Amino acid sequence: MIRILKIWFLILSLFTITNAYATDLTKESVENFIAKIDHAINTKDAQLFANFLSNDIEIILNIKSQGQEQVLKPTKQEYIESLKQGWALYTKYEYSRLNTVININNNKAFVSSIVNETVEFLGQSVVGESKSEVVIEIVNGIPLITKAISYSSI
């Protein structure tokens, strides 16, 4: 069960990005996209969240817990299913994003943030912090996350 919690923190911390339908990424469109992603996460809407991810997204979850490190590389489907399962387990869930930095180069947005999450599970509060790095690109005319890397300590 603790492993599921650890994976859950990493999964949520991964993402930040934009959903303005445009051909060029701007700082404003990326900020709007991030706000939509944060809304999906805060409302625990895994299907809405999935809409912000490219079908062939590369996901890398670097997890450090109790002195051990683990790297997970789930598919988009595995990641979304893990979100659904994790959200179903928690009685309380709090999520926040800090220190977001957006750099745009060659119409790719590189976004880094610190993501804090607190969940209550079986009466215990569990806190996690992650560094999230994502790449957003225009795919078929819409912005999508094409790569997400998370560095988490639990």
C-alpha atoms as a PDB file:
ATOM      1  CA  MET A   1       0.000   0.000   0.000  1.00  0.00           C
ATOM      2  CA  ILE A   2       2.888   2.380   0.791  1.00  0.00           C
ATOM      3  CA  ARG A   3       4.329   1.654  -2.655  1.00  0.00           C
ATOM      4  CA  ILE A   4       1.037   2.707  -4.241  1.00  0.00           C
ATOM      5  CA  LEU A   5       1.221   5.962  -2.261  1.00  0.00           C
ATOM      6  CA  LYS A   6       4.762   6.574  -3.447  1.00  0.00           C
ATOM      7  CA  ILE A   7       3.871   5.923  -7.066  1.00  0.00           C
ATOM      8  CA  TRP A   8       0.816   8.139  -6.709  1.00  0.00           C
ATOM      9  CA  PHE A   9       2.881  11.110  -5.524  1.00  0.00           C
ATOM     10  CA  LEU A  10       5.213  10.747  -8.439  1.00  0.00           C
ATOM     11  CA  ILE A  11       2.440  10.412 -10.920  1.00  0.00           C
ATOM     12  CA  LEU A  12       0.677  13.574  -9.871  1.00  0.00           C
ATOM     13  CA  SER A  13       3.811  15.604  -9.551  1.00  0.00           C
ATOM     14  CA  LEU A  14       4.757  15.035 -13.121  1.00  0.00           C
ATOM     15  CA  PHE A  15       2.608  17.357 -14.959  1.00  0.00           C
ATOM     16  CA  THR A  16       2.232  21.027 -15.788  1.00  0.00           C
ATOM     17  CA  ILE A  17       1.296  22.595 -19.097  1.00  0.00           C
ATOM     18  CA  THR A  18      -1.200  24.433 -21.645  1.00  0.00           C
ATOM     19  CA  ASN A  19      -4.477  23.796 -23.466  1.00  0.00           C
ATOM     20  CA  ALA A  20      -4.995  26.854 -25.607  1.00  0.00           C
ATOM     21  CA  TYR A  21      -5.623  25.735 -29.162  1.00  0.00           C
ATOM     22  CA  ALA A  22      -2.936  27.516 -31.136  1.00  0.00           C
ATOM     23  CA  THR A  23      -0.076  26.859 -33.494  1.00  0.00           C
ATOM     24  CA  ASP A  24       2.565  28.622 -31.397  1.00  0.00           C
ATOM     25  CA  LEU A  25       3.229  28.268 -27.714  1.00  0.00           C
ATOM     26  CA  THR A  26       3.417  31.449 -25.672  1.00  0.00           C
ATOM     27  CA  LYS A  27       4.080  31.981 -22.000  1.00  0.00           C
ATOM     28  CA  GLU A  28       0.418  32.921 -21.555  1.00  0.00           C
ATOM     29  CA  SER A  29      -0.889  29.814 -23.361  1.00  0.00           C
ATOM     30  CA  VAL A  30       1.402  27.609 -21.276  1.00  0.00           C
ATOM     31  CA  GLU A  31       0.234  29.277 -18.057  1.00  0.00           C
ATOM     32  CA  ASN A  32      -3.395  28.689 -19.118  1.00  0.00           C
ATOM     33  CA  PHE A  33      -2.622  25.067 -19.884  1.00  0.00           C
ATOM     34  CA  ILE A  34      -0.989  24.615 -16.470  1.00  0.00           C
ATOM     35  CA  ALA A  35      -4.092  26.065 -14.812  1.00  0.00           C
ATOM     36  CA  LYS A  36      -6.285  23.536 -16.657  1.00  0.00           C
ATOM     37  CA  ILE A  37      -4.018  20.673 -15.625  1.00  0.00           C
ATOM     38  CA  ASP A  38      -4.040  21.825 -12.010  1.00  0.00           C
ATOM     39  CA  HIS A  39      -7.845  21.993 -12.130  1.00  0.00           C
ATOM     40  CA  ALA A  40      -8.042  18.399 -13.435  1.00  0.00           C
ATOM     41  CA  ILE A  41      -5.723  17.220 -10.666  1.00  0.00           C
ATOM     42  CA  ASN A  42      -7.452  19.168  -7.895  1.00  0.00           C
ATOM     43  CA  THR A  43     -10.836  17.757  -8.970  1.00  0.00           C
ATOM     44  CA  LYS A  44      -9.285  14.272  -9.307  1.00  0.00           C
ATOM     45  CA  ASP A  45     -10.505  13.992 -12.918  1.00  0.00           C
ATOM     46  CA  ALA A  46      -8.103  11.456 -14.418  1.00  0.00           C
ATOM     47  CA  GLN A  47      -9.875  11.380 -17.787  1.00  0.00           C
ATOM     48  CA  LEU A  48      -9.657  15.154 -18.183  1.00  0.00           C
ATOM     49  CA  PHE A  49      -6.004  14.988 -17.163  1.00  0.00           C
ATOM     50  CA  ALA A  50      -5.369  12.282 -19.771  1.00  0.00           C
ATOM     51  CA  ASN A  51      -6.538  14.684 -22.483  1.00  0.00           C
ATOM     52  CA  PHE A  52      -3.472  16.864 -21.809  1.00  0.00           C
ATOM     53  CA  LEU A  53      -1.016  14.021 -22.516  1.00  0.00           C
ATOM     54  CA  SER A  54       0.156  12.913 -25.954  1.00  0.00           C
ATOM     55  CA  ASN A  55      -0.593   9.284 -26.726  1.00  0.00           C
ATOM     56  CA  ASP A  56       3.127   8.499 -26.984  1.00  0.00           C
ATOM     57  CA  ILE A  57       4.234  10.564 -23.976  1.00  0.00           C
ATOM     58  CA  GLU A  58       7.515   9.604 -22.344  1.00  0.00           C
ATOM     59  CA  ILE A  59       7.061   9.421 -18.571  1.00  0.00           C
ATOM     60  CA  ILE A  60       9.981   8.965 -16.187  1.00  0.00           C
ATOM     61  CA  LEU A  61       9.323   8.788 -12.443  1.00  0.00           C
ATOM     62  CA  ASN A  62      12.411   8.989 -10.224  1.00  0.00           C
ATOM     63  CA  ILE A  63      11.413   7.970  -6.701  1.00  0.00           C
ATOM     64  CA  LYS A  64      13.582   8.176  -3.601  1.00  0.00           C
ATOM     65  CA  SER A  65      12.189   6.635  -0.438  1.00  0.00           C
ATOM     66  CA  GLN A  66      13.831   5.323   2.702  1.00  0.00           C
ATOM     67  CA  GLY A  67      17.293   5.575   1.140  1.00  0.00           C
ATOM     68  CA  GLN A  68      16.364   3.619  -1.964  1.00  0.00           C
ATOM     69  CA  GLU A  69      15.898   4.948  -5.480  1.00  0.00           C
ATOM     70  CA  GLN A  70      13.602   3.575  -8.137  1.00  0.00           C
ATOM     71  CA  VAL A  71      12.892   4.634 -11.721  1.00  0.00           C
ATOM     72  CA  LEU A  72       9.490   3.879 -13.247  1.00  0.00           C
ATOM     73  CA  LYS A  73       8.548   4.382 -16.907  1.00  0.00           C
ATOM     74  CA  PRO A  74       4.789   3.822 -17.177  1.00  0.00           C
ATOM     75  CA  THR A  75       2.813   4.177 -20.388  1.00  0.00           C
ATOM     76  CA  LYS A  76       0.140   6.843 -20.588  1.00  0.00           C
ATOM     77  CA  GLN A  77      -2.539   4.227 -19.874  1.00  0.00           C
ATOM     78  CA  GLU A  78      -0.667   2.786 -16.889  1.00  0.00           C
ATOM     79  CA  TYR A  79      -0.120   6.266 -15.496  1.00  0.00           C
ATOM     80  CA  ILE A  80      -3.779   7.280 -15.799  1.00  0.00           C
ATOM     81  CA  GLU A  81      -4.919   4.007 -14.245  1.00  0.00           C
ATOM     82  CA  SER A  82      -2.538   4.583 -11.326  1.00  0.00           C
ATOM     83  CA  LEU A  83      -4.035   8.042 -10.826  1.00  0.00           C
ATOM     84  CA  LYS A  84      -7.548   6.623 -10.713  1.00  0.00           C
ATOM     85  CA  GLN A  85      -6.541   3.933  -8.227  1.00  0.00           C
ATOM     86  CA  GLY A  86      -4.611   6.342  -6.030  1.00  0.00           C
ATOM     87  CA  TRP A  87      -7.347   8.957  -5.887  1.00  0.00           C
ATOM     88  CA  ALA A  88      -9.864   6.269  -4.950  1.00  0.00           C
ATOM     89  CA  LEU A  89      -7.781   5.337  -1.874  1.00  0.00           C
ATOM     90  CA  TYR A  90      -7.455   8.779  -0.271  1.00  0.00           C
ATOM     91  CA  THR A  91      -9.918  10.396   2.075  1.00  0.00           C
ATOM     92  CA  LYS A  92      -8.247  13.802   1.691  1.00  0.00           C
ATOM     93  CA  TYR A  93      -6.057  15.158  -1.074  1.00  0.00           C
ATOM     94  CA  GLU A  94      -4.243  18.485  -1.301  1.00  0.00           C
ATOM     95  CA  TYR A  95      -2.123  19.563  -4.252  1.00  0.00           C
ATOM     96  CA  SER A  96      -0.135  22.726  -4.958  1.00  0.00           C
ATOM     97  CA  ARG A  97       2.432  23.906  -7.480  1.00  0.00           C
ATOM     98  CA  LEU A  98       5.271  26.337  -6.667  1.00  0.00           C
ATOM     99  CA  ASN A  99       8.190  28.015  -8.421  1.00  0.00           C
ATOM    100  CA  THR A 100       7.016  27.339 -11.969  1.00  0.00           C
ATOM    101  CA  VAL A 101       9.562  28.306 -14.618  1.00  0.00           C
ATOM    102  CA  ILE A 102       8.582  28.331 -18.305  1.00  0.00           C
ATOM    103  CA  ASN A 103      11.120  28.447 -21.148  1.00  0.00           C
ATOM    104  CA  ILE A 104      10.031  28.313 -24.772  1.00  0.00           C
ATOM    105  CA  ASN A 105      12.482  27.310 -27.487  1.00  0.00           C
ATOM    106  CA  ASN A 106      11.727  26.144 -31.053  1.00  0.00           C
ATOM    107  CA  ASN A 107       8.004  26.093 -30.215  1.00  0.00           C
ATOM    108  CA  LYS A 108       8.543  23.669 -27.312  1.00  0.00           C
ATOM    109  CA  ALA A 109       7.724  24.733 -23.778  1.00  0.00           C
ATOM    110  CA  PHE A 110       9.995  23.437 -21.046  1.00  0.00           C
ATOM    111  CA  VAL A 111       8.244  23.758 -17.699  1.00  0.00           C
ATOM    112  CA  SER A 112       9.670  23.006 -14.273  1.00  0.00           C
ATOM    113  CA  SER A 113       7.814  23.242 -10.962  1.00  0.00           C
ATOM    114  CA  ILE A 114       7.855  22.022  -7.414  1.00  0.00           C
ATOM    115  CA  VAL A 115       4.707  20.027  -6.642  1.00  0.00           C
ATOM    116  CA  ASN A 116       3.541  19.400  -3.085  1.00  0.00           C
ATOM    117  CA  GLU A 117       0.923  16.795  -2.273  1.00  0.00           C
ATOM    118  CA  THR A 118      -0.669  15.705   0.970  1.00  0.00           C
ATOM    119  CA  VAL A 119      -2.997  12.731   1.233  1.00  0.00           C
ATOM    120  CA  GLU A 120      -4.794  11.060   4.065  1.00  0.00           C
ATOM    121  CA  PHE A 121      -4.764   7.295   3.888  1.00  0.00           C
ATOM    122  CA  LEU A 122      -6.062   4.994   6.626  1.00  0.00           C
ATOM    123  CA  GLY A 123      -6.105   7.921   9.011  1.00  0.00           C
ATOM    124  CA  GLN A 124      -2.478   8.878   8.364  1.00  0.00           C
ATOM    125  CA  SER A 125      -1.301  12.005   6.584  1.00  0.00           C
ATOM    126  CA  VAL A 126       1.404  11.440   3.969  1.00  0.00           C
ATOM    127  CA  VAL A 127       3.304  14.378   2.463  1.00  0.00           C
ATOM    128  CA  GLY A 128       5.296  14.311  -0.754  1.00  0.00           C
ATOM    129  CA  GLU A 129       7.311  16.860  -2.715  1.00  0.00           C
ATOM    130  CA  SER A 130       8.465  16.470  -6.295  1.00  0.00           C
ATOM    131  CA  LYS A 131      10.345  18.389  -8.901  1.00  0.00           C
ATOM    132  CA  SER A 132       8.401  18.183 -12.128  1.00  0.00           C
ATOM    133  CA  GLU A 133       9.880  18.795 -15.584  1.00  0.00           C
ATOM    134  CA  VAL A 134       7.660  18.594 -18.646  1.00  0.00           C
ATOM    135  CA  VAL A 135       7.876  19.355 -22.333  1.00  0.00           C
ATOM    136  CA  ILE A 136       4.822  20.737 -24.116  1.00  0.00           C
ATOM    137  CA  GLU A 137       4.511  20.688 -27.874  1.00  0.00           C
ATOM    138  CA  ILE A 138       1.806  21.414 -30.409  1.00  0.00           C
ATOM    139  CA  VAL A 139       0.546  18.050 -31.686  1.00  0.00           C
ATOM    140  CA  ASN A 140      -2.095  18.071 -34.433  1.00  0.00           C
ATOM    141  CA  GLY A 141      -2.846  21.707 -33.647  1.00  0.00           C
ATOM    142  CA  ILE A 142      -3.209  21.393 -29.867  1.00  0.00           C
ATOM    143  CA  PRO A 143      -0.701  21.632 -27.022  1.00  0.00           C
ATOM    144  CA  LEU A 144       0.091  18.350 -25.305  1.00  0.00           C
ATOM    145  CA  ILE A 145       2.640  17.096 -22.821  1.00  0.00           C
ATOM    146  CA  THR A 146       5.096  14.954 -24.758  1.00  0.00           C
ATOM    147  CA  LYS A 147       7.584  14.262 -21.983  1.00  0.00           C
ATOM    148  CA  ALA A 148       7.311  14.312 -18.196  1.00  0.00           C
ATOM    149  CA  ILE A 149      10.036  13.675 -15.655  1.00  0.00           C
ATOM    150  CA  SER A 150       9.507  13.671 -11.917  1.00  0.00           C
ATOM    151  CA  TYR A 151      12.007  13.585  -9.069  1.00  0.00           C
ATOM    152  CA  SER A 152      10.237  12.678  -5.834  1.00  0.00           C
ATOM    153  CA  SER A 153      11.199  12.112  -2.246  1.00  0.00           C
ATOM    154  CA  ILE A 154       8.737  10.491   0.103  1.00  0.00           C
END
